[in-house]
Amino acid sequence: MARSLACADLARLLERGRFDGLFIADVLGTYDVYAGTDEAAIDSR
């Protein structure tokens, strides 16, 4: 129930901001792999 209320609140907020859409990725890992490792995607420097 709480999650559906949060989604409804988010939808109202986005409507007020005139957003056309929202994409929420549901990934449990990193996308990028450079030179055989995902360190470049994780590095926050």
Protein backbone atom coordinates (compact mmCIF):
# COMPACT_ATOMS: atom_id res chain seq x y z
CA MET A 1 0.00 0.00 0.00
CA ALA A 2 2.74 2.48 0.91
CA ARG A 3 4.55 1.80 -2.36
CA SER A 4 1.44 2.52 -4.43
CA LEU A 5 0.95 5.80 -2.55
CA ALA A 6 4.56 6.78 -3.24
CA CYS A 7 4.07 6.01 -6.93
CA ALA A 8 0.90 8.10 -7.02
CA ASP A 9 2.70 11.00 -5.31
CA LEU A 10 5.53 10.75 -7.83
CA ALA A 11 3.04 10.73 -10.71
CA ARG A 12 1.35 13.88 -9.38
CA LEU A 13 4.71 15.62 -8.95
CA LEU A 14 5.75 14.75 -12.50
CA GLU A 15 2.42 15.97 -13.88
CA ARG A 16 2.88 19.30 -12.12
CA GLY A 17 6.33 19.54 -13.67
CA ARG A 18 4.84 18.73 -17.11
CA PHE A 19 6.98 15.63 -17.56
CA ASP A 20 6.00 13.39 -20.48
CA GLY A 21 7.47 10.22 -19.04
CA LEU A 22 9.80 8.59 -16.55
CA PHE A 23 12.05 5.58 -17.04
CA ILE A 24 13.15 3.65 -13.97
CA ALA A 25 15.79 1.00 -14.65
CA ASP A 26 15.58 -2.14 -12.57
CA VAL A 27 19.14 -3.39 -12.89
CA LEU A 28 21.09 -5.12 -10.15
CA GLY A 29 24.49 -4.61 -11.74
CA THR A 30 26.51 -2.29 -13.92
CA TYR A 31 25.95 -1.84 -17.63
CA ASP A 32 29.37 -0.76 -18.85
CA VAL A 33 32.35 -3.02 -19.22
CA TYR A 34 35.60 -1.44 -20.39
CA ALA A 35 38.73 -3.53 -20.87
CA GLY A 36 37.08 -6.53 -19.23
CA THR A 37 36.11 -4.80 -15.98
CA ASP A 38 33.28 -2.64 -14.66
CA GLU A 39 35.56 -0.32 -12.64
CA ALA A 40 35.14 2.56 -15.11
CA ALA A 41 31.36 2.55 -14.57
CA ILE A 42 31.72 2.41 -10.78
CA ASP A 43 34.52 5.02 -10.43
CA SER A 44 33.09 8.28 -9.05
CA ARG A 45 36.14 10.54 -9.41
